[in-house]
N, C-alpha and C. Protein backbone atom coordinates (compact mmCIF):
# COMPACT_ATOMS: atom_id res chain seq x y z
N MET A 1 2.27 -25.45 25.49
CA MET A 1 0.89 -25.50 25.02
C MET A 1 0.33 -26.91 25.19
N SER A 2 1.04 -27.75 25.93
CA SER A 2 0.62 -29.14 26.11
C SER A 2 -0.69 -29.26 26.88
N GLU A 3 -1.04 -28.18 27.63
CA GLU A 3 -2.27 -28.22 28.42
C GLU A 3 -3.51 -28.02 27.56
N TYR A 4 -3.33 -27.63 26.28
CA TYR A 4 -4.48 -27.40 25.40
C TYR A 4 -4.79 -28.64 24.58
N SER A 5 -6.04 -28.77 24.20
CA SER A 5 -6.44 -29.88 23.33
C SER A 5 -5.86 -29.68 21.94
N SER A 6 -5.81 -30.74 21.18
CA SER A 6 -5.22 -30.66 19.84
C SER A 6 -5.99 -29.69 18.94
N THR A 7 -7.31 -29.62 19.12
CA THR A 7 -8.13 -28.72 18.31
C THR A 7 -7.81 -27.26 18.63
N LEU A 8 -7.67 -26.96 19.93
CA LEU A 8 -7.35 -25.60 20.35
C LEU A 8 -5.93 -25.22 19.93
N LYS A 9 -5.02 -26.17 20.04
CA LYS A 9 -3.63 -25.92 19.61
C LYS A 9 -3.60 -25.55 18.13
N LYS A 10 -4.37 -26.29 17.33
CA LYS A 10 -4.40 -26.03 15.89
C LYS A 10 -4.93 -24.64 15.60
N LEU A 11 -5.97 -24.21 16.35
CA LEU A 11 -6.53 -22.88 16.17
C LEU A 11 -5.50 -21.81 16.52
N ILE A 12 -4.80 -22.00 17.64
CA ILE A 12 -3.78 -21.04 18.08
C ILE A 12 -2.65 -20.95 17.05
N GLU A 13 -2.21 -22.10 16.56
CA GLU A 13 -1.13 -22.11 15.56
C GLU A 13 -1.57 -21.40 14.28
N SER A 14 -2.83 -21.58 13.90
CA SER A 14 -3.34 -20.91 12.70
C SER A 14 -3.38 -19.40 12.89
N LEU A 15 -3.82 -18.97 14.07
CA LEU A 15 -3.90 -17.54 14.35
C LEU A 15 -2.53 -16.89 14.43
N LYS A 16 -1.51 -17.65 14.85
CA LYS A 16 -0.14 -17.13 14.94
C LYS A 16 0.42 -16.78 13.57
N ARG A 17 -0.18 -17.32 12.51
CA ARG A 17 0.31 -17.02 11.16
C ARG A 17 -0.09 -15.62 10.71
N LEU A 18 -1.06 -15.02 11.39
CA LEU A 18 -1.49 -13.67 11.03
C LEU A 18 -0.39 -12.67 11.37
N PRO A 19 -0.18 -11.64 10.54
CA PRO A 19 0.89 -10.67 10.81
C PRO A 19 0.65 -9.92 12.12
N GLY A 20 1.71 -9.81 12.92
CA GLY A 20 1.62 -9.07 14.17
C GLY A 20 0.99 -9.83 15.31
N VAL A 21 0.68 -11.09 15.09
CA VAL A 21 0.05 -11.90 16.14
C VAL A 21 1.08 -12.90 16.69
N GLY A 22 1.47 -12.68 17.93
CA GLY A 22 2.40 -13.58 18.60
C GLY A 22 1.65 -14.66 19.37
N PRO A 23 2.37 -15.51 20.11
CA PRO A 23 1.75 -16.61 20.85
C PRO A 23 0.66 -16.15 21.84
N LYS A 24 0.95 -15.10 22.60
CA LYS A 24 -0.02 -14.62 23.60
C LYS A 24 -1.28 -14.06 22.93
N SER A 25 -1.06 -13.26 21.88
CA SER A 25 -2.20 -12.69 21.16
C SER A 25 -3.03 -13.79 20.51
N ALA A 26 -2.36 -14.80 19.97
CA ALA A 26 -3.06 -15.92 19.34
C ALA A 26 -3.92 -16.66 20.36
N GLN A 27 -3.39 -16.83 21.56
CA GLN A 27 -4.18 -17.50 22.62
C GLN A 27 -5.41 -16.66 22.98
N ARG A 28 -5.22 -15.34 23.12
CA ARG A 28 -6.35 -14.46 23.45
C ARG A 28 -7.42 -14.51 22.37
N LEU A 29 -6.99 -14.48 21.10
CA LEU A 29 -7.94 -14.55 20.00
C LEU A 29 -8.67 -15.90 19.97
N ALA A 30 -7.94 -16.96 20.26
CA ALA A 30 -8.55 -18.29 20.26
C ALA A 30 -9.64 -18.38 21.32
N PHE A 31 -9.36 -17.87 22.51
CA PHE A 31 -10.36 -17.89 23.57
C PHE A 31 -11.52 -16.96 23.27
N TYR A 32 -11.24 -15.86 22.56
CA TYR A 32 -12.32 -14.97 22.13
C TYR A 32 -13.26 -15.72 21.20
N VAL A 33 -12.67 -16.48 20.27
CA VAL A 33 -13.48 -17.27 19.33
C VAL A 33 -14.34 -18.28 20.09
N LEU A 34 -13.75 -18.94 21.07
CA LEU A 34 -14.49 -19.97 21.83
C LEU A 34 -15.62 -19.37 22.66
N GLU A 35 -15.39 -18.16 23.16
CA GLU A 35 -16.39 -17.54 24.04
C GLU A 35 -17.45 -16.74 23.28
N SER A 36 -17.25 -16.52 21.98
CA SER A 36 -18.19 -15.73 21.18
C SER A 36 -19.38 -16.58 20.76
N PRO A 37 -20.53 -15.94 20.52
CA PRO A 37 -21.70 -16.68 20.02
C PRO A 37 -21.39 -17.35 18.69
N HIS A 38 -21.98 -18.48 18.46
CA HIS A 38 -21.73 -19.26 17.25
C HIS A 38 -22.05 -18.44 16.00
N ALA A 39 -23.14 -17.67 16.04
CA ALA A 39 -23.55 -16.88 14.87
C ALA A 39 -22.51 -15.82 14.53
N GLU A 40 -21.88 -15.24 15.56
CA GLU A 40 -20.87 -14.20 15.34
C GLU A 40 -19.64 -14.77 14.64
N ILE A 41 -19.22 -15.95 15.04
CA ILE A 41 -18.06 -16.60 14.42
C ILE A 41 -18.39 -17.05 13.00
N GLU A 42 -19.63 -17.50 12.79
CA GLU A 42 -20.04 -17.88 11.44
C GLU A 42 -20.01 -16.67 10.51
N GLU A 43 -20.45 -15.51 11.04
CA GLU A 43 -20.43 -14.28 10.25
C GLU A 43 -18.99 -13.86 9.91
N LEU A 44 -18.09 -13.98 10.89
CA LEU A 44 -16.68 -13.66 10.68
C LEU A 44 -16.08 -14.58 9.61
N THR A 45 -16.35 -15.87 9.74
CA THR A 45 -15.84 -16.85 8.78
C THR A 45 -16.36 -16.57 7.38
N ALA A 46 -17.65 -16.27 7.29
CA ALA A 46 -18.26 -15.98 5.99
C ALA A 46 -17.65 -14.73 5.37
N SER A 47 -17.37 -13.70 6.20
CA SER A 47 -16.77 -12.46 5.70
C SER A 47 -15.38 -12.70 5.15
N ILE A 48 -14.60 -13.52 5.86
CA ILE A 48 -13.24 -13.84 5.41
C ILE A 48 -13.28 -14.57 4.07
N LEU A 49 -14.14 -15.58 3.96
CA LEU A 49 -14.25 -16.35 2.72
C LEU A 49 -14.78 -15.49 1.57
N ASP A 50 -15.75 -14.62 1.89
CA ASP A 50 -16.33 -13.74 0.88
C ASP A 50 -15.26 -12.80 0.32
N ALA A 51 -14.46 -12.22 1.23
CA ALA A 51 -13.40 -11.32 0.81
C ALA A 51 -12.36 -12.06 -0.04
N LYS A 52 -12.00 -13.25 0.40
CA LYS A 52 -10.99 -14.04 -0.31
C LYS A 52 -11.47 -14.41 -1.71
N ASN A 53 -12.75 -14.71 -1.84
CA ASN A 53 -13.31 -15.14 -3.13
C ASN A 53 -13.60 -13.98 -4.08
N LYS A 54 -13.98 -12.82 -3.54
CA LYS A 54 -14.44 -11.72 -4.40
C LYS A 54 -13.40 -10.64 -4.66
N ILE A 55 -12.49 -10.42 -3.72
CA ILE A 55 -11.53 -9.32 -3.90
C ILE A 55 -10.40 -9.74 -4.83
N LYS A 56 -10.12 -8.89 -5.80
CA LYS A 56 -9.08 -9.16 -6.80
C LYS A 56 -8.38 -7.84 -7.10
N ASN A 57 -7.48 -7.87 -8.06
CA ASN A 57 -6.79 -6.64 -8.47
C ASN A 57 -7.54 -5.98 -9.61
N CYS A 58 -7.67 -4.67 -9.53
CA CYS A 58 -8.25 -3.90 -10.62
C CYS A 58 -7.37 -4.09 -11.86
N SER A 59 -7.99 -4.32 -12.99
CA SER A 59 -7.22 -4.57 -14.21
C SER A 59 -6.54 -3.30 -14.74
N SER A 60 -6.94 -2.13 -14.21
CA SER A 60 -6.33 -0.87 -14.65
C SER A 60 -5.21 -0.42 -13.72
N CYS A 61 -5.54 -0.27 -12.43
CA CYS A 61 -4.56 0.31 -11.50
C CYS A 61 -3.94 -0.71 -10.55
N PHE A 62 -4.51 -1.92 -10.50
CA PHE A 62 -4.00 -3.01 -9.65
C PHE A 62 -4.26 -2.80 -8.16
N ASN A 63 -5.18 -1.90 -7.85
CA ASN A 63 -5.66 -1.79 -6.47
C ASN A 63 -6.53 -3.01 -6.18
N ILE A 64 -6.73 -3.34 -4.90
CA ILE A 64 -7.63 -4.44 -4.59
C ILE A 64 -9.07 -3.93 -4.64
N THR A 65 -9.96 -4.76 -5.19
CA THR A 65 -11.33 -4.34 -5.41
C THR A 65 -12.25 -5.55 -5.58
N ASP A 66 -13.54 -5.33 -5.39
CA ASP A 66 -14.50 -6.40 -5.70
C ASP A 66 -15.29 -6.06 -6.97
N ALA A 67 -14.90 -4.96 -7.63
CA ALA A 67 -15.49 -4.57 -8.92
C ALA A 67 -14.35 -4.17 -9.86
N ASP A 68 -14.50 -4.48 -11.14
CA ASP A 68 -13.45 -4.17 -12.10
C ASP A 68 -14.03 -3.38 -13.26
N PRO A 69 -13.59 -2.14 -13.49
CA PRO A 69 -12.53 -1.43 -12.77
C PRO A 69 -12.97 -1.01 -11.37
N CYS A 70 -12.00 -0.63 -10.55
CA CYS A 70 -12.29 -0.25 -9.18
C CYS A 70 -13.04 1.09 -9.14
N HIS A 71 -13.54 1.45 -7.97
CA HIS A 71 -14.35 2.67 -7.85
C HIS A 71 -13.55 3.94 -8.15
N ILE A 72 -12.23 3.89 -7.96
CA ILE A 72 -11.41 5.08 -8.26
C ILE A 72 -11.22 5.22 -9.76
N CYS A 73 -10.89 4.15 -10.43
CA CYS A 73 -10.69 4.20 -11.89
C CYS A 73 -11.98 4.54 -12.63
N SER A 74 -13.11 4.15 -12.06
CA SER A 74 -14.38 4.41 -12.73
C SER A 74 -15.01 5.75 -12.33
N ASP A 75 -14.33 6.50 -11.47
CA ASP A 75 -14.82 7.80 -11.02
C ASP A 75 -14.47 8.86 -12.07
N THR A 76 -15.47 9.36 -12.77
CA THR A 76 -15.23 10.31 -13.87
C THR A 76 -14.80 11.70 -13.39
N SER A 77 -14.89 11.95 -12.08
CA SER A 77 -14.46 13.25 -11.56
C SER A 77 -12.95 13.30 -11.29
N ARG A 78 -12.29 12.17 -11.42
CA ARG A 78 -10.84 12.10 -11.17
C ARG A 78 -10.06 12.72 -12.31
N ASP A 79 -8.89 13.29 -11.97
CA ASP A 79 -8.00 13.89 -12.96
C ASP A 79 -7.16 12.79 -13.60
N ILE A 80 -7.50 12.42 -14.82
CA ILE A 80 -6.80 11.31 -15.47
C ILE A 80 -5.42 11.70 -15.99
N ALA A 81 -5.10 12.99 -15.93
CA ALA A 81 -3.78 13.45 -16.37
C ALA A 81 -2.71 13.22 -15.31
N SER A 82 -3.13 12.85 -14.10
CA SER A 82 -2.19 12.64 -12.99
C SER A 82 -2.33 11.22 -12.46
N ILE A 83 -1.21 10.53 -12.35
CA ILE A 83 -1.20 9.17 -11.81
C ILE A 83 -0.22 9.11 -10.64
N CYS A 84 -0.72 8.72 -9.49
CA CYS A 84 0.11 8.56 -8.30
C CYS A 84 0.53 7.10 -8.19
N VAL A 85 1.83 6.86 -8.17
CA VAL A 85 2.36 5.50 -8.15
C VAL A 85 2.72 5.12 -6.71
N VAL A 86 2.15 4.02 -6.23
CA VAL A 86 2.41 3.54 -4.87
C VAL A 86 2.87 2.09 -4.92
N GLU A 87 3.43 1.63 -3.80
CA GLU A 87 3.91 0.25 -3.75
C GLU A 87 2.78 -0.75 -3.53
N GLU A 88 1.92 -0.48 -2.55
CA GLU A 88 0.90 -1.44 -2.14
C GLU A 88 -0.47 -0.77 -2.02
N PRO A 89 -1.56 -1.56 -2.07
CA PRO A 89 -2.90 -1.00 -1.88
C PRO A 89 -3.06 -0.22 -0.58
N LYS A 90 -2.39 -0.64 0.49
CA LYS A 90 -2.52 0.06 1.77
C LYS A 90 -1.95 1.49 1.68
N ASP A 91 -0.96 1.70 0.80
CA ASP A 91 -0.41 3.04 0.60
C ASP A 91 -1.44 3.93 -0.09
N LEU A 92 -2.11 3.36 -1.08
CA LEU A 92 -3.18 4.07 -1.78
C LEU A 92 -4.26 4.49 -0.79
N MET A 93 -4.66 3.56 0.07
CA MET A 93 -5.72 3.84 1.04
C MET A 93 -5.32 4.95 2.02
N ALA A 94 -4.05 4.98 2.39
CA ALA A 94 -3.56 6.02 3.30
C ALA A 94 -3.67 7.40 2.64
N ILE A 95 -3.32 7.48 1.36
CA ILE A 95 -3.41 8.75 0.64
C ILE A 95 -4.87 9.16 0.47
N GLU A 96 -5.73 8.20 0.15
CA GLU A 96 -7.15 8.50 0.00
C GLU A 96 -7.76 9.05 1.29
N ARG A 97 -7.33 8.49 2.43
CA ARG A 97 -7.85 8.98 3.72
C ARG A 97 -7.47 10.44 3.96
N SER A 98 -6.34 10.85 3.40
CA SER A 98 -5.90 12.24 3.59
C SER A 98 -6.71 13.23 2.76
N LYS A 99 -7.45 12.72 1.76
CA LYS A 99 -8.26 13.56 0.87
C LYS A 99 -7.42 14.68 0.21
N SER A 100 -6.15 14.40 -0.02
CA SER A 100 -5.25 15.43 -0.57
C SER A 100 -4.94 15.23 -2.04
N TYR A 101 -5.46 14.16 -2.66
CA TYR A 101 -5.11 13.85 -4.04
C TYR A 101 -6.37 13.44 -4.80
N LYS A 102 -6.56 13.97 -6.00
CA LYS A 102 -7.77 13.72 -6.77
C LYS A 102 -7.51 13.10 -8.14
N GLY A 103 -6.30 12.58 -8.34
CA GLY A 103 -5.99 11.94 -9.61
C GLY A 103 -6.21 10.43 -9.54
N LEU A 104 -5.59 9.72 -10.47
CA LEU A 104 -5.64 8.26 -10.50
C LEU A 104 -4.45 7.67 -9.76
N TYR A 105 -4.46 6.36 -9.59
CA TYR A 105 -3.37 5.66 -8.90
C TYR A 105 -2.85 4.52 -9.78
N HIS A 106 -1.66 4.06 -9.41
CA HIS A 106 -1.13 2.81 -9.98
C HIS A 106 -0.37 2.08 -8.89
N VAL A 107 -0.77 0.84 -8.62
CA VAL A 107 -0.16 0.04 -7.56
C VAL A 107 0.87 -0.91 -8.17
N LEU A 108 2.10 -0.77 -7.75
CA LEU A 108 3.20 -1.57 -8.32
C LEU A 108 3.19 -3.02 -7.85
N GLY A 109 2.69 -3.24 -6.65
CA GLY A 109 2.73 -4.60 -6.08
C GLY A 109 4.03 -4.88 -5.36
N GLY A 110 4.69 -3.82 -4.88
CA GLY A 110 5.94 -3.99 -4.14
C GLY A 110 6.97 -2.96 -4.58
N ALA A 111 8.21 -3.25 -4.25
CA ALA A 111 9.33 -2.37 -4.63
C ALA A 111 10.49 -3.23 -5.09
N ILE A 112 11.34 -2.64 -5.92
CA ILE A 112 12.51 -3.37 -6.43
C ILE A 112 13.43 -3.72 -5.27
N SER A 113 13.75 -5.00 -5.15
CA SER A 113 14.62 -5.48 -4.08
C SER A 113 15.39 -6.71 -4.55
N PRO A 114 16.56 -6.50 -5.18
CA PRO A 114 17.33 -7.64 -5.70
C PRO A 114 17.65 -8.70 -4.65
N LEU A 115 17.88 -8.28 -3.41
CA LEU A 115 18.18 -9.24 -2.35
C LEU A 115 17.02 -10.19 -2.08
N ASP A 116 15.79 -9.70 -2.32
CA ASP A 116 14.60 -10.54 -2.13
C ASP A 116 14.13 -11.15 -3.44
N GLY A 117 14.90 -10.97 -4.50
CA GLY A 117 14.54 -11.55 -5.79
C GLY A 117 13.43 -10.80 -6.50
N ILE A 118 13.20 -9.54 -6.11
CA ILE A 118 12.14 -8.74 -6.76
C ILE A 118 12.79 -7.77 -7.74
N ASN A 119 12.67 -8.07 -9.02
CA ASN A 119 13.22 -7.20 -10.05
C ASN A 119 12.10 -6.40 -10.70
N PRO A 120 12.41 -5.43 -11.55
CA PRO A 120 11.36 -4.60 -12.16
C PRO A 120 10.26 -5.39 -12.86
N ASP A 121 10.63 -6.53 -13.47
CA ASP A 121 9.63 -7.33 -14.19
C ASP A 121 8.59 -7.95 -13.26
N ALA A 122 8.91 -8.05 -11.97
CA ALA A 122 7.97 -8.62 -11.01
C ALA A 122 6.91 -7.61 -10.59
N LEU A 123 7.12 -6.34 -10.94
CA LEU A 123 6.19 -5.28 -10.59
C LEU A 123 5.36 -4.88 -11.82
N THR A 124 4.37 -4.01 -11.63
CA THR A 124 3.49 -3.62 -12.74
C THR A 124 4.00 -2.34 -13.43
N ILE A 125 5.31 -2.28 -13.64
CA ILE A 125 5.91 -1.09 -14.26
C ILE A 125 5.57 -1.01 -15.75
N LYS A 126 5.58 -2.15 -16.45
CA LYS A 126 5.21 -2.14 -17.88
C LYS A 126 3.77 -1.67 -18.06
N GLU A 127 2.90 -2.14 -17.16
CA GLU A 127 1.50 -1.74 -17.23
C GLU A 127 1.35 -0.24 -16.96
N LEU A 128 2.20 0.30 -16.07
CA LEU A 128 2.19 1.73 -15.80
C LEU A 128 2.52 2.52 -17.06
N LEU A 129 3.55 2.08 -17.78
CA LEU A 129 3.95 2.76 -19.02
C LEU A 129 2.83 2.75 -20.05
N HIS A 130 2.11 1.63 -20.15
CA HIS A 130 0.98 1.54 -21.08
C HIS A 130 -0.13 2.51 -20.68
N ARG A 131 -0.40 2.60 -19.38
CA ARG A 131 -1.46 3.51 -18.90
C ARG A 131 -1.10 4.97 -19.18
N ILE A 132 0.16 5.30 -18.96
CA ILE A 132 0.62 6.68 -19.21
C ILE A 132 0.38 7.04 -20.68
N GLU A 133 0.71 6.10 -21.54
CA GLU A 133 0.53 6.34 -22.98
C GLU A 133 -0.95 6.43 -23.35
N ASN A 134 -1.75 5.51 -22.83
CA ASN A 134 -3.18 5.48 -23.18
C ASN A 134 -3.95 6.67 -22.63
N LEU A 135 -3.61 7.09 -21.40
CA LEU A 135 -4.33 8.19 -20.76
C LEU A 135 -3.75 9.55 -21.10
N LYS A 136 -2.60 9.55 -21.80
CA LYS A 136 -1.89 10.80 -22.10
C LYS A 136 -1.61 11.58 -20.81
N ALA A 137 -1.17 10.86 -19.79
CA ALA A 137 -0.90 11.47 -18.49
C ALA A 137 0.22 12.48 -18.59
N SER A 138 0.08 13.60 -17.87
CA SER A 138 1.09 14.65 -17.93
C SER A 138 1.92 14.75 -16.65
N GLU A 139 1.46 14.11 -15.57
CA GLU A 139 2.23 14.11 -14.32
C GLU A 139 2.15 12.75 -13.65
N ILE A 140 3.32 12.27 -13.23
CA ILE A 140 3.40 11.05 -12.45
C ILE A 140 3.92 11.42 -11.07
N VAL A 141 3.13 11.11 -10.05
CA VAL A 141 3.51 11.40 -8.67
C VAL A 141 4.04 10.11 -8.06
N LEU A 142 5.31 10.11 -7.67
CA LEU A 142 5.90 8.93 -7.06
C LEU A 142 5.73 9.01 -5.54
N ALA A 143 5.01 8.03 -5.00
CA ALA A 143 4.74 8.00 -3.56
C ALA A 143 5.26 6.69 -2.96
N MET A 144 6.54 6.42 -3.26
CA MET A 144 7.17 5.23 -2.70
C MET A 144 7.44 5.44 -1.21
N ASN A 145 7.56 4.36 -0.48
CA ASN A 145 7.91 4.45 0.94
C ASN A 145 9.37 4.91 1.08
N PRO A 146 9.70 5.66 2.15
CA PRO A 146 11.07 6.17 2.32
C PRO A 146 12.03 5.09 2.82
N THR A 147 12.20 4.05 2.00
CA THR A 147 13.12 2.96 2.30
C THR A 147 14.13 2.86 1.16
N THR A 148 15.15 2.07 1.37
CA THR A 148 16.15 1.87 0.30
C THR A 148 15.47 1.32 -0.95
N GLU A 149 14.58 0.33 -0.77
CA GLU A 149 13.88 -0.28 -1.89
C GLU A 149 12.97 0.74 -2.59
N GLY A 150 12.30 1.56 -1.78
CA GLY A 150 11.44 2.59 -2.34
C GLY A 150 12.21 3.60 -3.16
N GLU A 151 13.38 4.00 -2.66
CA GLU A 151 14.23 4.96 -3.37
C GLU A 151 14.71 4.38 -4.70
N VAL A 152 15.15 3.11 -4.66
CA VAL A 152 15.62 2.44 -5.88
C VAL A 152 14.50 2.38 -6.92
N THR A 153 13.29 2.04 -6.47
CA THR A 153 12.14 1.94 -7.37
C THR A 153 11.81 3.29 -7.97
N ALA A 154 11.82 4.33 -7.14
CA ALA A 154 11.52 5.68 -7.63
C ALA A 154 12.54 6.13 -8.67
N MET A 155 13.81 5.87 -8.41
CA MET A 155 14.86 6.26 -9.36
C MET A 155 14.72 5.50 -10.68
N TYR A 156 14.38 4.22 -10.59
CA TYR A 156 14.22 3.38 -11.79
C TYR A 156 13.09 3.92 -12.66
N ILE A 157 11.94 4.22 -12.05
CA ILE A 157 10.80 4.74 -12.80
C ILE A 157 11.11 6.11 -13.37
N THR A 158 11.80 6.94 -12.60
CA THR A 158 12.16 8.28 -13.08
C THR A 158 13.03 8.19 -14.32
N LYS A 159 13.99 7.27 -14.32
CA LYS A 159 14.88 7.10 -15.49
C LYS A 159 14.10 6.65 -16.72
N LEU A 160 13.06 5.85 -16.50
CA LEU A 160 12.23 5.39 -17.63
C LEU A 160 11.39 6.54 -18.20
N LEU A 161 10.90 7.41 -17.31
CA LEU A 161 9.96 8.45 -17.73
C LEU A 161 10.62 9.73 -18.23
N THR A 162 11.83 10.01 -17.77
CA THR A 162 12.51 11.26 -18.14
C THR A 162 12.62 11.45 -19.65
N PRO A 163 13.02 10.43 -20.42
CA PRO A 163 13.12 10.62 -21.88
C PRO A 163 11.78 10.90 -22.54
N LEU A 164 10.68 10.56 -21.87
CA LEU A 164 9.35 10.75 -22.45
C LEU A 164 8.83 12.18 -22.26
N GLY A 165 9.57 12.97 -21.49
CA GLY A 165 9.18 14.35 -21.27
C GLY A 165 7.98 14.53 -20.36
N ILE A 166 7.73 13.54 -19.52
CA ILE A 166 6.61 13.60 -18.58
C ILE A 166 7.08 14.19 -17.26
N LYS A 167 6.27 15.04 -16.67
CA LYS A 167 6.59 15.62 -15.38
C LYS A 167 6.53 14.55 -14.30
N VAL A 168 7.63 14.37 -13.57
CA VAL A 168 7.69 13.39 -12.49
C VAL A 168 7.93 14.13 -11.19
N THR A 169 7.05 13.91 -10.21
CA THR A 169 7.21 14.56 -8.91
C THR A 169 7.27 13.49 -7.82
N ARG A 170 7.83 13.88 -6.68
CA ARG A 170 7.89 12.99 -5.51
C ARG A 170 7.15 13.67 -4.37
N ILE A 171 6.44 12.88 -3.57
CA ILE A 171 5.83 13.47 -2.39
C ILE A 171 6.95 13.79 -1.40
N ALA A 172 6.77 14.85 -0.62
CA ALA A 172 7.77 15.23 0.38
C ALA A 172 7.54 14.43 1.65
N TYR A 173 8.63 13.97 2.26
CA TYR A 173 8.54 13.26 3.53
C TYR A 173 8.94 14.22 4.63
N GLY A 174 8.04 14.51 5.54
CA GLY A 174 8.33 15.52 6.55
C GLY A 174 8.13 15.03 7.96
N LEU A 175 8.08 15.99 8.86
CA LEU A 175 7.95 15.70 10.28
C LEU A 175 6.49 15.50 10.64
N PRO A 176 6.19 14.54 11.51
CA PRO A 176 4.80 14.36 11.94
C PRO A 176 4.35 15.51 12.82
N ILE A 177 3.12 15.96 12.61
CA ILE A 177 2.58 17.05 13.42
C ILE A 177 2.47 16.59 14.86
N GLY A 178 2.97 17.42 15.77
CA GLY A 178 2.93 17.05 17.19
C GLY A 178 4.16 16.30 17.65
N GLY A 179 5.09 16.02 16.72
CA GLY A 179 6.30 15.28 17.08
C GLY A 179 7.41 16.19 17.54
N ASP A 180 8.38 15.63 18.25
CA ASP A 180 9.55 16.37 18.70
C ASP A 180 10.74 16.01 17.83
N LEU A 181 11.58 17.01 17.53
CA LEU A 181 12.73 16.78 16.66
C LEU A 181 13.66 15.69 17.17
N ASP A 182 13.83 15.61 18.51
CA ASP A 182 14.78 14.63 19.03
C ASP A 182 14.28 13.19 18.92
N TYR A 183 13.00 13.01 18.56
CA TYR A 183 12.47 11.65 18.38
C TYR A 183 12.42 11.24 16.91
N VAL A 184 12.77 12.17 16.03
CA VAL A 184 12.67 11.90 14.60
C VAL A 184 13.97 11.31 14.09
N ASP A 185 13.86 10.28 13.24
CA ASP A 185 15.07 9.64 12.70
C ASP A 185 15.74 10.53 11.66
N GLU A 186 17.00 10.23 11.41
CA GLU A 186 17.82 11.07 10.52
C GLU A 186 17.28 11.13 9.10
N ALA A 187 16.79 10.00 8.59
CA ALA A 187 16.28 9.96 7.21
C ALA A 187 15.09 10.89 7.05
N THR A 188 14.19 10.91 8.05
CA THR A 188 13.02 11.78 7.98
C THR A 188 13.43 13.24 8.03
N LEU A 189 14.39 13.56 8.92
CA LEU A 189 14.88 14.94 9.00
C LEU A 189 15.51 15.38 7.69
N CYS A 190 16.28 14.48 7.09
CA CYS A 190 16.94 14.78 5.82
C CYS A 190 15.89 15.09 4.75
N LYS A 191 14.86 14.26 4.66
CA LYS A 191 13.80 14.45 3.68
C LYS A 191 13.02 15.74 3.97
N SER A 192 12.88 16.07 5.25
CA SER A 192 12.16 17.28 5.62
C SER A 192 12.88 18.51 5.10
N PHE A 193 14.22 18.50 5.18
CA PHE A 193 14.99 19.64 4.69
C PHE A 193 14.98 19.68 3.17
N GLU A 194 15.03 18.52 2.54
CA GLU A 194 15.00 18.47 1.07
C GLU A 194 13.65 18.99 0.54
N GLY A 195 12.58 18.74 1.29
CA GLY A 195 11.25 19.14 0.83
C GLY A 195 10.80 20.49 1.35
N ARG A 196 11.73 21.27 1.92
CA ARG A 196 11.34 22.56 2.49
C ARG A 196 10.93 23.54 1.38
N ARG A 197 10.05 24.50 1.74
CA ARG A 197 9.61 25.51 0.78
C ARG A 197 9.57 26.88 1.43
N GLU A 198 9.56 27.89 0.62
CA GLU A 198 9.58 29.25 1.11
C GLU A 198 8.29 29.57 1.87
N VAL A 199 8.44 30.25 2.99
CA VAL A 199 7.30 30.69 3.78
C VAL A 199 6.89 32.07 3.32
N ILE A 200 5.64 32.22 2.90
CA ILE A 200 5.15 33.51 2.40
C ILE A 200 4.17 34.07 3.44
N SER A 201 4.46 35.26 3.90
CA SER A 201 3.59 35.87 4.92
C SER A 201 2.41 36.59 4.29
């Protein structure tokens, strides 16, 4: 990168810090910035700063939001008896896009991972228990990612909730529509069989 000026090098290095952006992508983005109209880059910069300054965690469900409570928690048409527990805000957004769930959510802020120093106290599990009590929730839907950490987190929460007599369910992990069996990993196939149900004609 010695052929670039120090200012351009700094821009490329900054862009490389973005997730999924390697050296080549960072260079392409840097040149895009240089070739774009000044007003367009100012708008992009302002949007980034605006998001950074205004977006925070909802004090109820811990989703990211620019209003507190978030639009989901403040939606009176939602079923407050059901709380879907997810690891991250992006998981919540994926479920919302599917339009398959009409209850409330709770974002843990990650998953239990002792190797990474993430224990239950680092997550919003205590806050989840308070919400369950306050809302008198009757069903908790666990929508953890199908990873070792996700499984550990789901089991931990299940053990906490079982003595309370609350219905705990897990979303089924199945095969992607349009996929071929020989391209599917073993864990997904295993979950597909575990989540199978009777076919009624």
